[in-house]
Protein backbone atom coordinates (compact mmCIF):
# COMPACT_ATOMS: atom_id res chain seq x y z
CA UNK A 1 0.00 0.00 0.00
CA UNK A 2 1.33 3.41 -0.97
CA UNK A 3 1.99 5.95 1.75
CA UNK A 4 -0.43 8.43 0.18
CA UNK A 5 -3.21 5.83 0.04
CA UNK A 6 -2.57 4.84 3.64
CA UNK A 7 -2.77 8.49 4.79
CA UNK A 8 -6.04 8.99 2.87
CA UNK A 9 -7.53 5.89 4.53
CA UNK A 10 -6.49 7.11 7.99
CA UNK A 11 -7.97 10.57 7.32
CA UNK A 12 -11.26 9.13 6.02
CA UNK A 13 -11.55 6.72 8.96
CA UNK A 14 -10.79 9.55 11.40
CA UNK A 15 -13.42 11.79 9.81
CA UNK A 16 -15.98 8.97 9.90
CA UNK A 17 -15.20 8.16 13.54
CA UNK A 18 -15.34 11.82 14.56
CA UNK A 19 -18.65 12.18 12.74
CA UNK A 20 -20.12 9.16 14.52
CA UNK A 21 -19.01 10.47 17.93
CA UNK A 22 -20.46 13.94 17.18
CA UNK A 23 -23.75 12.39 16.04
CA UNK A 24 -23.89 10.34 19.24
CA UNK A 25 -23.24 13.46 21.36
CA UNK A 26 -25.90 15.44 19.47
CA UNK A 27 -28.32 12.54 19.79
CA UNK A 28 -27.90 12.33 23.58
CA UNK A 29 -27.96 16.13 23.91
CA UNK A 30 -31.23 16.35 21.95
CA UNK A 31 -32.75 13.60 24.06
CA UNK A 32 -31.86 15.52 27.25
CA UNK A 33 -33.21 18.78 25.79
CA UNK A 34 -36.50 17.06 24.93
CA UNK A 35 -36.74 15.73 28.48
CA UNK A 36 -36.03 19.22 29.86
CA UNK A 37 -38.73 20.81 27.69
CA UNK A 38 -41.22 18.12 28.63
CA UNK A 39 -40.34 18.64 32.30
CA UNK A 40 -40.82 22.43 31.99
CA UNK A 41 -44.18 21.98 30.30
CA UNK A 42 -45.36 19.68 33.08
CA UNK A 43 -44.20 22.11 35.79
CA UNK A 44 -45.97 25.09 34.21
CA UNK A 45 -49.05 22.92 33.66
CA UNK A 46 -48.99 22.24 37.41
CA UNK A 47 -48.82 26.00 38.12
CA UNK A 48 -52.14 26.46 36.32
CA UNK A 49 -53.79 24.24 38.93
CA UNK A 50 -51.73 25.06 42.02
CA UNK A 51 -52.59 28.78 42.29
CA UNK A 52 -56.37 28.48 41.63
CA UNK A 53 -56.66 25.55 44.04
CA UNK A 54 -54.76 27.48 46.71
CA UNK A 55 -57.14 30.42 46.37
CA UNK A 56 -60.24 28.22 46.27
CA UNK A 57 -59.31 26.09 49.26
CA UNK A 58 -58.40 29.19 51.26
CA UNK A 59 -61.85 30.67 50.60
CA UNK A 60 -63.58 27.41 51.46
CA UNK A 61 -61.71 27.13 54.74
CA UNK A 62 -62.69 30.69 55.68
CA UNK A 63 -66.27 30.01 54.57
CA UNK A 64 -66.41 26.93 56.75
CA UNK A 65 -65.15 28.96 59.70
CA UNK A 66 -67.84 31.58 59.18
CA UNK A 67 -70.55 28.90 59.02
CA UNK A 68 -69.40 27.43 62.30
CA UNK A 69 -69.71 30.86 63.83
CA UNK A 70 -73.26 30.90 62.51
CA UNK A 71 -74.14 27.60 64.23
CA UNK A 72 -71.54 25.55 66.10
CA UNK A 73 -73.85 22.53 66.21
CA UNK A 74 -73.62 22.11 62.43
CA UNK A 75 -71.15 20.06 60.47
CA UNK A 76 -70.90 21.69 57.04
CA UNK A 77 -70.33 20.03 53.70
CA UNK A 78 -69.22 22.46 50.99
CA UNK A 79 -69.63 21.38 47.35
CA UNK A 80 -67.85 23.37 44.63
CA UNK A 81 -69.20 22.58 41.13
CA UNK A 82 -69.40 23.98 37.61
CA UNK A 83 -72.79 25.02 36.32
CA UNK A 84 -72.97 26.46 32.80
CA UNK A 85 -69.31 27.42 33.02
CA UNK A 86 -69.97 29.33 36.28
CA UNK A 87 -68.64 28.34 39.67
CA UNK A 88 -71.41 27.48 42.11
CA UNK A 89 -70.99 26.81 45.83
CA UNK A 90 -73.51 24.65 47.61
CA UNK A 91 -73.32 24.31 51.40
CA UNK A 92 -74.99 21.54 53.36
CA UNK A 93 -75.26 21.66 57.16
CA UNK A 94 -75.68 18.46 59.09
CA UNK A 95 -77.52 18.81 62.41
CA UNK A 96 -75.46 16.92 64.95
CA UNK A 97 -78.46 16.59 67.28
CA UNK A 98 -80.49 14.92 64.53
CA UNK A 99 -78.34 12.90 62.15
CA UNK A 100 -81.23 12.26 59.81
CA UNK A 101 -82.02 15.90 59.26
CA UNK A 102 -79.88 17.70 56.69
CA UNK A 103 -80.36 21.37 56.04
CA UNK A 104 -79.37 23.09 52.80
CA UNK A 105 -78.16 26.61 53.44
CA UNK A 106 -78.97 28.80 50.47
CA UNK A 107 -78.87 32.29 51.92
CA UNK A 108 -75.13 32.95 51.94
CA UNK A 109 -75.17 36.56 50.86
CA UNK A 110 -74.29 37.93 54.25
CA UNK A 111 -71.44 35.52 54.77
CA UNK A 112 -69.90 36.17 51.32
CA UNK A 113 -70.32 39.90 51.76
CA UNK A 114 -68.41 39.70 55.01
CA UNK A 115 -65.61 37.68 53.42
CA UNK A 116 -65.43 40.15 50.53
CA UNK A 117 -65.10 43.11 52.87
CA UNK A 118 -62.34 41.34 54.81
CA UNK A 119 -60.42 40.64 51.62
CA UNK A 120 -60.76 44.14 50.20
CA UNK A 121 -59.79 45.89 53.42
CA UNK A 122 -56.78 43.62 54.07
CA UNK A 123 -53.62 45.48 53.12
CA UNK A 124 -51.51 42.28 52.99
CA UNK A 125 -52.59 40.29 49.90
CA UNK A 126 -50.86 37.15 51.12
CA UNK A 127 -53.36 36.94 53.99
CA UNK A 128 -55.98 36.15 51.37
CA UNK A 129 -54.24 32.79 50.93
CA UNK A 130 -53.58 29.99 53.35
CA UNK A 131 -49.89 29.41 52.48
CA UNK A 132 -49.74 26.39 54.79
CA UNK A 133 -51.66 24.51 52.08
CA UNK A 134 -48.98 25.16 49.45
CA UNK A 135 -46.77 22.14 50.13
CA UNK A 136 -49.60 19.62 49.90
CA UNK A 137 -51.15 21.20 46.80
CA UNK A 138 -47.80 21.44 44.99
CA UNK A 139 -46.94 17.82 45.74
CA UNK A 140 -50.31 16.52 44.51
CA UNK A 141 -50.26 18.56 41.29
CA UNK A 142 -46.70 17.58 40.43
CA UNK A 143 -47.54 13.91 40.92
CA UNK A 144 -50.57 14.35 38.65
CA UNK A 145 -48.24 15.51 35.85
CA UNK A 146 -45.77 12.64 36.42
CA UNK A 147 -43.12 14.58 38.37
CA UNK A 148 -41.88 12.70 41.41
CA UNK A 149 -38.91 14.81 42.46
CA UNK A 150 -37.78 16.60 45.59
CA UNK A 151 -38.63 20.29 45.37
CA UNK A 152 -38.38 23.53 47.33
CA UNK A 153 -40.69 26.53 46.98
CA UNK A 154 -40.99 30.16 48.01
CA UNK A 155 -43.35 33.09 47.72
CA UNK A 156 -41.44 36.24 46.75
CA UNK A 157 -42.21 39.90 46.19
CA UNK A 158 -40.49 41.89 43.42
CA UNK A 159 -38.24 38.86 42.65
CA UNK A 160 -36.05 39.66 45.65
CA UNK A 161 -38.00 39.65 48.91
CA UNK A 162 -38.93 36.21 50.22
CA UNK A 163 -42.30 36.30 52.01
CA UNK A 164 -42.78 32.58 52.57
CA UNK A 165 -40.59 29.54 51.85
CA UNK A 166 -40.14 25.85 52.36
CA UNK A 167 -37.70 24.61 54.97
CA UNK A 168 -34.68 24.02 52.68
CA UNK A 169 -35.24 26.73 50.08
CA UNK A 170 -31.96 28.52 49.33
CA UNK A 171 -31.98 32.23 48.55
CA UNK A 172 -29.47 31.53 45.75
CA UNK A 173 -32.28 29.81 43.85
CA UNK A 174 -34.52 32.89 43.83
CA UNK A 175 -33.90 33.29 40.09
CA UNK A 176 -35.48 29.93 39.27
CA UNK A 177 -37.22 29.87 35.88
CA UNK A 178 -40.17 28.04 37.40
CA UNK A 179 -42.37 30.87 38.73
CA UNK A 180 -45.95 32.05 38.35
CA UNK A 181 -47.93 35.10 39.50
CA UNK A 182 -50.08 34.46 42.57
CA UNK A 183 -52.66 37.14 41.74
CA UNK A 184 -53.16 36.96 37.99
CA UNK A 185 -56.54 38.78 38.15
CA UNK A 186 -55.41 41.56 40.45
CA UNK A 187 -53.44 44.35 38.76
CA UNK A 188 -52.36 45.78 42.11
CA UNK A 189 -50.37 42.71 43.10
CA UNK A 190 -48.62 41.53 39.94
CA UNK A 191 -45.29 41.44 41.77
CA UNK A 192 -46.06 38.42 43.97
CA UNK A 193 -44.73 35.11 42.61
CA UNK A 194 -44.66 31.46 43.55
CA UNK A 195 -41.23 29.90 42.85
CA UNK A 196 -40.37 26.24 42.46
CA UNK A 197 -36.86 24.78 42.51
CA UNK A 198 -35.83 21.16 41.85
CA UNK A 199 -32.37 20.36 43.34
CA UNK A 200 -32.13 16.99 41.56
CA UNK A 201 -33.49 18.01 38.15
CA UNK A 202 -30.14 17.48 36.35
CA UNK A 203 -29.85 13.96 37.74
CA UNK A 204 -33.42 13.34 36.67
CA UNK A 205 -32.71 14.36 33.06
CA UNK A 206 -29.57 12.22 32.78
CA UNK A 207 -31.21 9.33 34.58
CA UNK A 208 -34.05 9.38 32.06
CA UNK A 209 -31.57 8.86 29.20
CA UNK A 210 -29.05 6.73 31.11
CA UNK A 211 -29.74 3.64 29.00
CA UNK A 212 -29.38 5.63 25.78
CA UNK A 213 -26.20 7.27 27.12
CA UNK A 214 -24.74 3.91 28.19
CA UNK A 215 -25.39 2.28 24.81
CA UNK A 216 -23.97 5.32 23.01
CA UNK A 217 -20.76 5.27 25.07
CA UNK A 218 -20.47 1.48 24.70
CA UNK A 219 -20.78 1.41 20.91
CA UNK A 220 -18.61 4.49 20.49
CA UNK A 221 -15.92 2.81 22.61
CA UNK A 222 -16.16 -0.36 20.50
CA UNK A 223 -15.81 1.67 17.28
CA UNK A 224 -12.88 3.64 18.72
CA UNK A 225 -11.13 0.46 19.90
CA UNK A 226 -11.70 -1.21 16.53
CA UNK A 227 -10.33 1.87 14.78
CA UNK A 228 -7.14 1.83 16.87
CA UNK A 229 -6.65 -1.92 16.36
CA UNK A 230 -7.25 -1.53 12.62
CA UNK A 231 -4.66 1.22 12.37
CA UNK A 232 -2.13 -0.92 14.25
CA UNK A 233 -2.83 -3.92 12.00
CA UNK A 234 -2.52 -1.78 8.85
CA UNK A 235 0.75 -0.31 10.06
CA UNK A 236 2.10 -3.74 10.89
CA UNK A 237 1.00 -5.20 7.55
CA UNK A 238 2.49 -2.21 5.74
CA UNK A 239 5.78 -2.74 7.54
CA UNK A 240 5.80 -6.46 6.72
CA UNK A 241 4.93 -5.70 3.11
CA UNK A 242 7.80 -3.24 2.83
CA UNK A 243 10.19 -5.75 4.40
CA UNK A 244 9.06 -8.46 1.98
CA UNK A 245 9.36 -6.15 -1.02
CA UNK A 246 12.81 -5.00 0.01
CA UNK A 247 13.87 -8.62 0.51
CA UNK A 248 12.62 -9.66 -2.93
CA UNK A 249 14.26 -6.71 -4.63
CA UNK A 250 17.56 -7.24 -2.79
CA UNK A 251 17.75 -11.00 -3.32
CA UNK A 252 16.90 -10.77 -7.02
CA UNK A 253 19.43 -7.98 -7.48
CA UNK A 254 22.10 -10.08 -5.79
CA UNK A 255 21.23 -13.07 -8.02
CA UNK A 256 21.61 -11.18 -11.28
CA UNK A 257 25.42 -10.84 -11.05
CA UNK A 258 26.28 -14.54 -10.48
CA UNK A 259 23.72 -15.62 -13.11
CA UNK A 260 25.24 -13.29 -15.69
CA UNK A 261 28.74 -14.55 -14.79
CA UNK A 262 27.55 -18.17 -15.06
CA UNK A 263 26.08 -17.59 -18.53
CA UNK A 264 29.27 -15.91 -19.73
CA UNK A 265 31.32 -18.85 -18.42
CA UNK A 266 29.03 -21.38 -20.14
CA UNK A 267 29.22 -19.41 -23.38
CA UNK A 268 33.04 -19.50 -23.25
CA UNK A 269 33.10 -23.23 -22.50
CA UNK A 270 30.73 -24.00 -25.38
CA UNK A 271 33.20 -22.47 -27.83
CA UNK A 272 35.07 -25.76 -27.51
CA UNK A 273 33.17 -28.19 -29.75
CA UNK A 274 34.00 -31.17 -27.55
CA UNK A 275 32.86 -29.50 -24.34
CA UNK A 276 29.69 -28.12 -25.97
CA UNK A 277 28.45 -31.68 -26.54
CA UNK A 278 28.97 -32.63 -22.90
CA UNK A 279 25.67 -33.41 -21.15
CA UNK A 280 26.85 -31.79 -17.95
CA UNK A 281 27.40 -28.48 -19.72
CA UNK A 282 23.97 -28.78 -21.26
CA UNK A 283 22.39 -29.37 -17.85
CA UNK A 284 24.28 -26.41 -16.38
CA UNK A 285 23.17 -24.21 -19.23
CA UNK A 286 19.55 -25.33 -18.93
CA UNK A 287 19.45 -24.77 -15.19
CA UNK A 288 21.20 -21.43 -15.57
CA UNK A 289 18.53 -20.32 -18.02
CA UNK A 290 15.85 -21.56 -15.67
CA UNK A 291 17.37 -19.68 -12.74
CA UNK A 292 17.44 -16.53 -14.82
CA UNK A 293 13.75 -16.93 -15.70
CA UNK A 294 12.83 -17.50 -12.05
CA UNK A 295 14.73 -14.37 -11.04
CA UNK A 296 13.06 -12.29 -13.73
CA UNK A 297 9.68 -13.68 -12.70
CA UNK A 298 10.23 -12.68 -9.09
CA UNK A 299 11.18 -9.16 -10.17
CA UNK A 300 8.12 -8.89 -12.41
CA UNK A 301 5.78 -10.00 -9.63
CA UNK A 302 7.27 -7.73 -6.96
CA UNK A 303 5.20 -4.89 -5.61
CA UNK A 304 7.18 -2.06 -7.16
CA UNK A 305 7.27 -3.31 -10.75
CA UNK A 306 4.51 -3.25 -13.34
CA UNK A 307 4.65 -5.72 -16.21
CA UNK A 308 4.73 -4.12 -19.64
CA UNK A 309 3.21 -6.50 -22.19
CA UNK A 310 4.51 -6.06 -25.76
CA UNK A 311 2.13 -8.27 -27.69
CA UNK A 312 2.80 -9.39 -31.28
CA UNK A 313 0.76 -11.47 -33.72
CA UNK A 314 1.67 -15.14 -33.31
CA UNK A 315 0.52 -18.39 -34.93
CA UNK A 316 -1.18 -20.26 -32.08
CA UNK A 317 -0.34 -23.82 -33.23
CA UNK A 318 3.34 -23.04 -33.83
CA UNK A 319 3.61 -21.28 -30.48
CA UNK A 320 2.12 -24.12 -28.40
CA UNK A 321 3.94 -26.87 -30.36
CA UNK A 322 7.30 -25.17 -29.88
CA UNK A 323 6.59 -24.45 -26.20
CA UNK A 324 5.70 -28.08 -25.43
CA UNK A 325 8.67 -29.51 -27.34
CA UNK A 326 11.10 -27.22 -25.53
CA UNK A 327 9.54 -28.11 -22.18
CA UNK A 328 9.79 -31.87 -22.91
CA UNK A 329 13.47 -31.52 -23.71
CA UNK A 330 14.16 -29.38 -20.64
CA UNK A 331 12.71 -31.90 -18.18
CA UNK A 332 14.02 -35.00 -20.03
CA UNK A 333 11.75 -37.31 -18.02
CA UNK A 334 10.72 -40.62 -19.61
CA UNK A 335 7.95 -41.19 -17.02
CA UNK A 336 5.98 -38.24 -18.40
CA UNK A 337 3.67 -38.81 -21.34
CA UNK A 338 2.72 -35.60 -23.18
CA UNK A 339 -0.36 -35.52 -25.37
CA UNK A 340 -0.82 -32.43 -27.55
CA UNK A 341 -3.86 -31.81 -29.73
CA UNK A 342 -4.63 -28.75 -31.80
CA UNK A 343 -8.29 -29.52 -32.56
CA UNK A 344 -8.99 -27.22 -35.48
CA UNK A 345 -8.22 -27.11 -39.17
CA UNK A 346 -8.03 -23.31 -39.33
CA UNK A 347 -5.01 -21.19 -38.61
CA UNK A 348 -5.49 -19.10 -35.51
CA UNK A 349 -3.44 -16.08 -34.52
CA UNK A 350 -3.11 -14.59 -31.07
CA UNK A 351 -1.62 -11.30 -29.86
CA UNK A 352 0.84 -12.33 -27.17
CA UNK A 353 4.15 -11.48 -25.56
CA UNK A 354 6.02 -14.79 -25.70
CA UNK A 355 8.55 -13.63 -23.13
CA UNK A 356 5.80 -13.62 -20.49
CA UNK A 357 3.16 -16.05 -21.76
CA UNK A 358 5.71 -18.89 -22.24
CA UNK A 359 6.77 -19.11 -18.54
CA UNK A 360 3.14 -18.54 -17.51
CA UNK A 361 2.01 -21.73 -19.27
CA UNK A 362 5.18 -23.60 -18.31
CA UNK A 363 4.23 -22.96 -14.66
CA UNK A 364 1.09 -25.06 -15.15
CA UNK A 365 3.00 -27.82 -17.00
CA UNK A 366 5.71 -27.81 -14.36
CA UNK A 367 3.14 -28.16 -11.54
CA UNK A 368 1.44 -31.02 -13.41
CA UNK A 369 4.69 -32.97 -13.07
CA UNK A 370 5.90 -31.76 -9.64
CA UNK A 371 2.60 -32.55 -7.93
CA UNK A 372 2.25 -36.00 -9.47
CA UNK A 373 3.51 -39.11 -7.68
CA UNK A 374 2.03 -41.57 -10.21
CA UNK A 375 4.35 -44.07 -11.92
CA UNK A 376 3.12 -42.90 -15.31
CA UNK A 377 2.50 -39.17 -15.42
CA UNK A 378 0.12 -38.02 -18.14
CA UNK A 379 -0.13 -34.37 -19.24
CA UNK A 380 -2.72 -33.61 -21.90
CA UNK A 381 -2.76 -30.28 -23.76
CA UNK A 382 -5.72 -29.51 -26.00
CA UNK A 383 -6.21 -26.30 -27.99
CA UNK A 384 -9.59 -25.62 -29.61
CA UNK A 385 -12.11 -22.89 -30.39
CA UNK A 386 -15.00 -22.33 -27.97
CA UNK A 387 -17.34 -19.38 -27.41
CA UNK A 388 -15.26 -17.09 -29.64
CA UNK A 389 -12.14 -17.77 -27.60
CA UNK A 390 -9.12 -19.97 -28.11
CA UNK A 391 -9.31 -22.42 -25.23
CA UNK A 392 -6.20 -24.17 -23.89
CA UNK A 393 -7.01 -27.16 -21.67
CA UNK A 394 -4.11 -28.61 -19.64
CA UNK A 395 -5.04 -31.79 -17.80
CA UNK A 396 -2.95 -34.09 -15.57
CA UNK A 397 -3.47 -37.24 -13.54
CA UNK A 398 -1.71 -35.92 -10.43
CA UNK A 399 -2.67 -35.69 -6.78
CA UNK A 400 -5.16 -32.84 -7.27
CA UNK A 401 -5.81 -29.71 -5.19
CA UNK A 402 -7.55 -29.83 -1.81
CA UNK A 403 -10.67 -27.76 -1.17
CA UNK A 404 -8.74 -25.71 1.38
CA UNK A 405 -6.10 -24.73 -1.19
CA UNK A 406 -8.50 -24.01 -4.05
CA UNK A 407 -9.51 -20.59 -2.71
CA UNK A 408 -5.92 -19.38 -2.42
CA UNK A 409 -4.16 -21.18 -5.26
CA UNK A 410 -3.65 -17.93 -7.22
CA UNK A 411 -2.49 -15.86 -4.21
CA UNK A 412 1.01 -14.46 -4.18
CA UNK A 413 3.55 -16.49 -2.13
CA UNK A 414 0.91 -19.10 -1.27
CA UNK A 415 1.87 -22.75 -1.56
CA UNK A 416 -0.37 -25.73 -0.94
CA UNK A 417 0.14 -27.59 2.32
CA UNK A 418 1.53 -30.70 0.66
CA UNK A 419 3.95 -28.58 -1.30
CA UNK A 420 5.39 -27.30 1.94
CA UNK A 421 5.72 -30.73 3.55
CA UNK A 422 7.17 -32.77 0.70
CA UNK A 423 10.25 -32.20 -1.43
CA UNK A 424 8.42 -30.00 -3.95
CA UNK A 425 10.41 -26.81 -4.35
CA UNK A 426 8.97 -23.45 -5.29
CA UNK A 427 8.50 -19.81 -4.36
CA UNK A 428 4.71 -19.74 -4.32
CA UNK A 429 4.46 -17.15 -7.08
CA UNK A 430 4.05 -19.43 -10.13
CA UNK A 431 0.25 -19.50 -10.46
CA UNK A 432 -0.02 -15.90 -9.25
CA UNK A 433 2.33 -14.90 -12.08
CA UNK A 434 0.40 -17.08 -14.56
CA UNK A 435 -2.98 -15.57 -13.71
CA UNK A 436 -1.61 -12.03 -13.87
CA UNK A 437 0.02 -12.59 -17.30
CA UNK A 438 -3.08 -14.20 -18.80
CA UNK A 439 -5.27 -11.35 -17.55
CA UNK A 440 -2.83 -8.84 -19.08
CA UNK A 441 -3.42 -10.71 -22.37
CA UNK A 442 -7.18 -10.09 -21.84
CA UNK A 443 -7.75 -13.77 -21.11
CA UNK A 444 -9.09 -15.85 -18.24
CA UNK A 445 -7.91 -18.89 -16.30
CA UNK A 446 -9.91 -21.38 -14.24
CA UNK A 447 -9.48 -24.93 -12.98
CA UNK A 448 -11.24 -28.04 -11.75
CA UNK A 449 -9.56 -30.53 -9.46
CA UNK A 450 -10.28 -33.72 -7.53
CA UNK A 451 -8.00 -35.30 -4.98
CA UNK A 452 -5.95 -38.22 -6.43
CA UNK A 453 -7.69 -37.85 -9.81
CA UNK A 454 -5.89 -34.82 -11.21
CA UNK A 455 -6.40 -31.20 -12.18
CA UNK A 456 -7.56 -29.46 -15.33
CA UNK A 457 -6.59 -25.86 -16.02
CA UNK A 458 -8.54 -23.96 -18.70
CA UNK A 459 -7.07 -20.84 -20.31
CA UNK A 460 -9.14 -18.70 -22.66
CA UNK A 461 -7.43 -16.18 -24.96
CA UNK A 462 -8.90 -13.91 -27.62
CA UNK A 463 -7.86 -14.77 -31.21
CA UNK A 464 -8.41 -13.91 -34.87
CA UNK A 465 -8.39 -16.15 -37.93
CA UNK A 466 -7.15 -13.94 -40.73
CA UNK A 467 -3.83 -12.21 -41.00
CA UNK A 468 -3.86 -8.46 -40.58
């Protein structure tokens, strides 16, 4: 992986991770804000009931006191009801001397007139209300709106002077946003307010989204941990890749000099006609050429080198016939039976670079022999036309490829398990090189294999029939 590509990946992953974290924070923040707004709405909804009920209950208590003054032997029942959208008060008096007799008191004008005079002449408006009822009324109304929190309250004048307060109300909380006017219908006393303060409101908001917050932190932590591990793995793999590439480049570079010297020495020796016919010299020359091809192949398949295909028009039959004959002579193995068939009467031409396609196909032929422990090794090569492609079918009767190896057989530096255990030598780049070369020739390669029955490789290459 190039350094620039790696940096781009890191930047993109960082942006994505940062975005996810910001979305999570905004999500939790919005959830808390929604809870706060819902809480505020419920508190102000409670205010709408608290103040009227305080006023009403205060009046009813005073009314009951006046009735007892009227007749101490009566037990009064006061009923407050709506009638045609008008408040109506009905008072029943129960005679304690005669439990069966119930009197309905309808003439209340004098009593109400007295109460009205007392209210109007009272210079302290707070004496109109029984503030001792506040705590109970507030608690009941808050519970009715689903708020079960500790609270403190106070009655203040001009937002600064506390006239009445709960036991633990702190003066520092006098600026609480939860306040309502006590005398909404009286223009003279608009400066009297009821304040509510909730000491544990913040805990309540966070507690309401604690599950959401926990899951958000958990998944964000997992993503962050995965991100860090991924970066470490990428860095380690990049380092290993660079080490491997440097090793390949260094070892192939070091091999070039002795190979070149060996070829020069063989060329000098072959100038003697007696030595040139020596089988040992021929073997040395053949293996020297093979070593050179392997070295070039390693260089071509290294990470820092791109293969430049220089394709030329080539007669397909002549190419494959020559390739197979040369390969048969190079291995010089009497146990191998080669069968070559060019199954067409027409002349086919293919655009190929023989320098690369020759070793690519030889890799398959070489494997057909190396991975074959049969007494008689059979390698069948068939070339024929199919689906507008020239199809090359290479079949052997070898040991086959296991299901485990099939998925990775074309991977670079991968060698089948048996190849690593037995005396089969190789670098693990043969089939990788073959696949890459065939694809550069705009062809395809596939295979079928069964254990102990052999393997069939199928190569498809584009072709044309007439000379250009």
